[in-house]
Amino acid sequence: MRLIVALSVAVLLAVFLLYTSFAGGATPSVRPSQLSGNIGSDVSLAGVVVGPIEGDARGEGLRFLLKDFDGETVVRVVYMGRVPDLFKEDRHIFLKGVFQGSGVVENSRVLGEFLGEPDSMVTKCPSKYEPPEDGHPQP
């Protein structure tokens, strides 16, 4: 009888662990063109930084435009917190936050602002992930 109770508890704990790891903590990852369906929701936004970059991340907030990797849709981003050293125009970035706006796309611009979660920005150095010019992989 004790074995059956212990196995039942172990199975319940395993199901709970699987549920929380897959469904409980998932944050959708979107691009600027996909923000219209995620108004007011926590999302992870990915794109390419386009200028101008204005403001201060430690003061009123760093402001810039973020564009789809392979499209023309852009959204205005306001970010406060730590800025990675590699942050600049034409850099691929990922950040968490909330989109506040209408979600309407007008002239390839999403109307509204994406408010970045403090200290959530991560940059990706494109040259590190592109093949070398000679086409041969590096050791």
C-alpha atoms as a PDB file:
ATOM      1  CA  MET A   1       0.000   0.000   0.000  1.00  0.00           C
ATOM      2  CA  ARG A   2       2.826   2.427   0.840  1.00  0.00           C
ATOM      3  CA  LEU A   3       4.449   1.707  -2.516  1.00  0.00           C
ATOM      4  CA  ILE A   4       1.262   2.645  -4.390  1.00  0.00           C
ATOM      5  CA  VAL A   5       0.907   5.921  -2.446  1.00  0.00           C
ATOM      6  CA  ALA A   6       4.583   6.794  -2.991  1.00  0.00           C
ATOM      7  CA  LEU A   7       4.361   6.075  -6.733  1.00  0.00           C
ATOM      8  CA  SER A   8       1.149   8.128  -7.007  1.00  0.00           C
ATOM      9  CA  VAL A   9       2.802  11.116  -5.319  1.00  0.00           C
ATOM     10  CA  ALA A  10       5.878  10.761  -7.556  1.00  0.00           C
ATOM     11  CA  VAL A  11       3.712  10.699 -10.693  1.00  0.00           C
ATOM     12  CA  LEU A  12       1.773  13.789  -9.570  1.00  0.00           C
ATOM     13  CA  LEU A  13       5.003  15.675  -8.875  1.00  0.00           C
ATOM     14  CA  ALA A  14       6.415  14.683 -12.279  1.00  0.00           C
ATOM     15  CA  VAL A  15       3.263  15.888 -14.070  1.00  0.00           C
ATOM     16  CA  PHE A  16       3.370  19.185 -12.149  1.00  0.00           C
ATOM     17  CA  LEU A  17       7.050  19.661 -13.014  1.00  0.00           C
ATOM     18  CA  LEU A  18       6.426  19.037 -16.709  1.00  0.00           C
ATOM     19  CA  TYR A  19       3.452  21.393 -16.747  1.00  0.00           C
ATOM     20  CA  THR A  20       5.322  24.268 -15.094  1.00  0.00           C
ATOM     21  CA  SER A  21       8.384  23.852 -17.298  1.00  0.00           C
ATOM     22  CA  PHE A  22       6.451  23.833 -20.586  1.00  0.00           C
ATOM     23  CA  ALA A  23       3.248  25.802 -20.070  1.00  0.00           C
ATOM     24  CA  GLY A  24       3.686  27.779 -16.895  1.00  0.00           C
ATOM     25  CA  GLY A  25       6.719  29.929 -17.677  1.00  0.00           C
ATOM     26  CA  ALA A  26       6.512  30.346 -21.430  1.00  0.00           C
ATOM     27  CA  THR A  27       6.904  33.879 -22.777  1.00  0.00           C
ATOM     28  CA  PRO A  28       6.004  34.178 -26.450  1.00  0.00           C
ATOM     29  CA  SER A  29       8.800  35.385 -28.714  1.00  0.00           C
ATOM     30  CA  VAL A  30       7.627  37.822 -31.397  1.00  0.00           C
ATOM     31  CA  ARG A  31       8.896  40.262 -34.023  1.00  0.00           C
ATOM     32  CA  PRO A  32       7.589  43.819 -34.478  1.00  0.00           C
ATOM     33  CA  SER A  33       5.145  42.712 -37.196  1.00  0.00           C
ATOM     34  CA  GLN A  34       3.582  40.219 -34.738  1.00  0.00           C
ATOM     35  CA  LEU A  35       2.959  42.683 -31.883  1.00  0.00           C
ATOM     36  CA  SER A  36      -0.621  43.571 -32.846  1.00  0.00           C
ATOM     37  CA  GLY A  37      -1.938  40.313 -31.361  1.00  0.00           C
ATOM     38  CA  ASN A  38      -0.013  40.774 -28.106  1.00  0.00           C
ATOM     39  CA  ILE A  39      -1.170  44.171 -26.792  1.00  0.00           C
ATOM     40  CA  GLY A  40      -0.604  44.367 -23.035  1.00  0.00           C
ATOM     41  CA  SER A  41       0.976  40.898 -22.811  1.00  0.00           C
ATOM     42  CA  ASP A  42       4.487  40.051 -21.646  1.00  0.00           C
ATOM     43  CA  VAL A  43       6.509  39.027 -24.698  1.00  0.00           C
ATOM     44  CA  SER A  44      10.103  38.631 -25.809  1.00  0.00           C
ATOM     45  CA  LEU A  45      10.717  40.959 -28.772  1.00  0.00           C
ATOM     46  CA  ALA A  46      13.425  40.297 -31.359  1.00  0.00           C
ATOM     47  CA  GLY A  47      14.627  42.521 -34.180  1.00  0.00           C
ATOM     48  CA  VAL A  48      17.277  44.812 -35.641  1.00  0.00           C
ATOM     49  CA  VAL A  49      18.029  48.227 -34.124  1.00  0.00           C
ATOM     50  CA  VAL A  50      17.489  51.167 -36.462  1.00  0.00           C
ATOM     51  CA  GLY A  51      18.247  54.761 -35.600  1.00  0.00           C
ATOM     52  CA  PRO A  52      18.149  57.259 -34.334  1.00  0.00           C
ATOM     53  CA  ILE A  53      19.070  56.063 -30.841  1.00  0.00           C
ATOM     54  CA  GLU A  54      18.089  58.753 -28.349  1.00  0.00           C
ATOM     55  CA  GLY A  55      17.908  59.231 -24.605  1.00  0.00           C
ATOM     56  CA  ASP A  56      19.578  57.623 -21.631  1.00  0.00           C
ATOM     57  CA  ALA A  57      18.818  54.140 -20.312  1.00  0.00           C
ATOM     58  CA  ARG A  58      19.464  55.330 -16.750  1.00  0.00           C
ATOM     59  CA  GLY A  59      17.295  58.437 -17.001  1.00  0.00           C
ATOM     60  CA  GLU A  60      14.138  58.970 -19.032  1.00  0.00           C
ATOM     61  CA  GLY A  61      14.779  55.833 -21.077  1.00  0.00           C
ATOM     62  CA  LEU A  62      16.658  54.838 -24.201  1.00  0.00           C
ATOM     63  CA  ARG A  63      14.467  55.265 -27.317  1.00  0.00           C
ATOM     64  CA  PHE A  64      15.021  53.612 -30.677  1.00  0.00           C
ATOM     65  CA  LEU A  65      13.230  51.779 -33.463  1.00  0.00           C
ATOM     66  CA  LEU A  66      13.306  47.995 -33.815  1.00  0.00           C
ATOM     67  CA  LYS A  67      12.749  46.400 -37.239  1.00  0.00           C
ATOM     68  CA  ASP A  68      11.845  42.864 -38.305  1.00  0.00           C
ATOM     69  CA  PHE A  69      14.884  40.781 -39.280  1.00  0.00           C
ATOM     70  CA  ASP A  70      13.596  40.197 -42.787  1.00  0.00           C
ATOM     71  CA  GLY A  71      10.848  42.793 -43.152  1.00  0.00           C
ATOM     72  CA  GLU A  72      10.197  46.505 -42.993  1.00  0.00           C
ATOM     73  CA  THR A  73       7.846  46.724 -39.995  1.00  0.00           C
ATOM     74  CA  VAL A  74       9.257  48.809 -37.140  1.00  0.00           C
ATOM     75  CA  VAL A  75       8.130  49.628 -33.601  1.00  0.00           C
ATOM     76  CA  ARG A  76       9.291  52.310 -31.182  1.00  0.00           C
ATOM     77  CA  VAL A  77      11.047  50.888 -28.108  1.00  0.00           C
ATOM     78  CA  VAL A  78      11.574  52.549 -24.731  1.00  0.00           C
ATOM     79  CA  TYR A  79      14.153  50.750 -22.585  1.00  0.00           C
ATOM     80  CA  MET A  80      15.614  51.436 -19.159  1.00  0.00           C
ATOM     81  CA  GLY A  81      18.370  49.459 -17.505  1.00  0.00           C
ATOM     82  CA  ARG A  82      21.707  47.918 -18.388  1.00  0.00           C
ATOM     83  CA  VAL A  83      22.697  48.349 -22.028  1.00  0.00           C
ATOM     84  CA  PRO A  84      25.044  45.687 -23.478  1.00  0.00           C
ATOM     85  CA  ASP A  85      28.409  46.902 -24.793  1.00  0.00           C
ATOM     86  CA  LEU A  86      27.607  45.683 -28.311  1.00  0.00           C
ATOM     87  CA  PHE A  87      24.368  47.707 -28.565  1.00  0.00           C
ATOM     88  CA  LYS A  88      24.297  49.976 -31.630  1.00  0.00           C
ATOM     89  CA  GLU A  89      22.436  50.471 -34.914  1.00  0.00           C
ATOM     90  CA  ASP A  90      22.047  47.400 -37.176  1.00  0.00           C
ATOM     91  CA  ARG A  91      22.562  45.059 -34.211  1.00  0.00           C
ATOM     92  CA  HIS A  92      20.215  42.133 -33.543  1.00  0.00           C
ATOM     93  CA  ILE A  93      18.685  42.379 -30.078  1.00  0.00           C
ATOM     94  CA  PHE A  94      16.228  40.518 -27.888  1.00  0.00           C
ATOM     95  CA  LEU A  95      14.360  42.029 -24.944  1.00  0.00           C
ATOM     96  CA  LYS A  96      11.377  41.299 -22.765  1.00  0.00           C
ATOM     97  CA  GLY A  97       8.571  43.735 -22.128  1.00  0.00           C
ATOM     98  CA  VAL A  98       5.021  44.846 -22.876  1.00  0.00           C
ATOM     99  CA  PHE A  99       3.578  46.416 -26.023  1.00  0.00           C
ATOM    100  CA  GLN A 100       1.289  49.365 -25.336  1.00  0.00           C
ATOM    101  CA  GLY A 101      -0.472  50.692 -28.385  1.00  0.00           C
ATOM    102  CA  SER A 102      -3.137  50.096 -30.939  1.00  0.00           C
ATOM    103  CA  GLY A 103      -1.245  47.430 -32.849  1.00  0.00           C
ATOM    104  CA  VAL A 104      -2.234  49.097 -36.121  1.00  0.00           C
ATOM    105  CA  VAL A 105       0.473  49.045 -38.801  1.00  0.00           C
ATOM    106  CA  GLU A 106       0.686  52.259 -40.798  1.00  0.00           C
ATOM    107  CA  ASN A 107       3.423  52.879 -43.388  1.00  0.00           C
ATOM    108  CA  SER A 108       5.374  49.867 -42.024  1.00  0.00           C
ATOM    109  CA  ARG A 109       5.275  51.296 -38.467  1.00  0.00           C
ATOM    110  CA  VAL A 110       3.424  49.660 -35.590  1.00  0.00           C
ATOM    111  CA  LEU A 111       1.544  52.401 -33.732  1.00  0.00           C
ATOM    112  CA  GLY A 112       2.416  52.364 -30.041  1.00  0.00           C
ATOM    113  CA  GLU A 113       5.483  51.736 -27.905  1.00  0.00           C
ATOM    114  CA  PHE A 114       7.167  48.622 -26.632  1.00  0.00           C
ATOM    115  CA  LEU A 115       8.215  49.157 -23.007  1.00  0.00           C
ATOM    116  CA  GLY A 116      11.275  47.019 -22.343  1.00  0.00           C
ATOM    117  CA  GLU A 117      11.712  45.275 -19.014  1.00  0.00           C
ATOM    118  CA  PRO A 118      14.744  46.715 -17.176  1.00  0.00           C
ATOM    119  CA  ASP A 119      17.981  44.763 -17.673  1.00  0.00           C
ATOM    120  CA  SER A 120      16.408  42.334 -20.163  1.00  0.00           C
ATOM    121  CA  MET A 121      18.220  43.403 -23.349  1.00  0.00           C
ATOM    122  CA  VAL A 122      20.568  40.919 -25.017  1.00  0.00           C
ATOM    123  CA  THR A 123      22.534  41.640 -28.192  1.00  0.00           C
ATOM    124  CA  LYS A 124      23.728  39.210 -30.801  1.00  0.00           C
ATOM    125  CA  CYS A 125      26.928  39.908 -32.696  1.00  0.00           C
ATOM    126  CA  PRO A 126      26.039  39.058 -36.326  1.00  0.00           C
ATOM    127  CA  SER A 127      29.632  38.508 -37.447  1.00  0.00           C
ATOM    128  CA  LYS A 128      30.000  35.706 -34.898  1.00  0.00           C
ATOM    129  CA  TYR A 129      27.179  33.742 -36.521  1.00  0.00           C
ATOM    130  CA  GLU A 130      27.886  34.445 -40.194  1.00  0.00           C
ATOM    131  CA  PRO A 131      30.120  32.210 -42.309  1.00  0.00           C
ATOM    132  CA  PRO A 132      33.615  33.588 -42.974  1.00  0.00           C
ATOM    133  CA  GLU A 133      34.219  35.384 -46.271  1.00  0.00           C
ATOM    134  CA  ASP A 134      36.302  32.530 -47.674  1.00  0.00           C
ATOM    135  CA  GLY A 135      33.435  30.073 -47.019  1.00  0.00           C
ATOM    136  CA  HIS A 136      35.528  27.737 -44.864  1.00  0.00           C
ATOM    137  CA  PRO A 137      34.481  27.106 -41.257  1.00  0.00           C
ATOM    138  CA  GLN A 138      36.802  28.269 -38.540  1.00  0.00           C
ATOM    139  CA  PRO A 139      38.381  25.697 -36.240  1.00  0.00           C
END
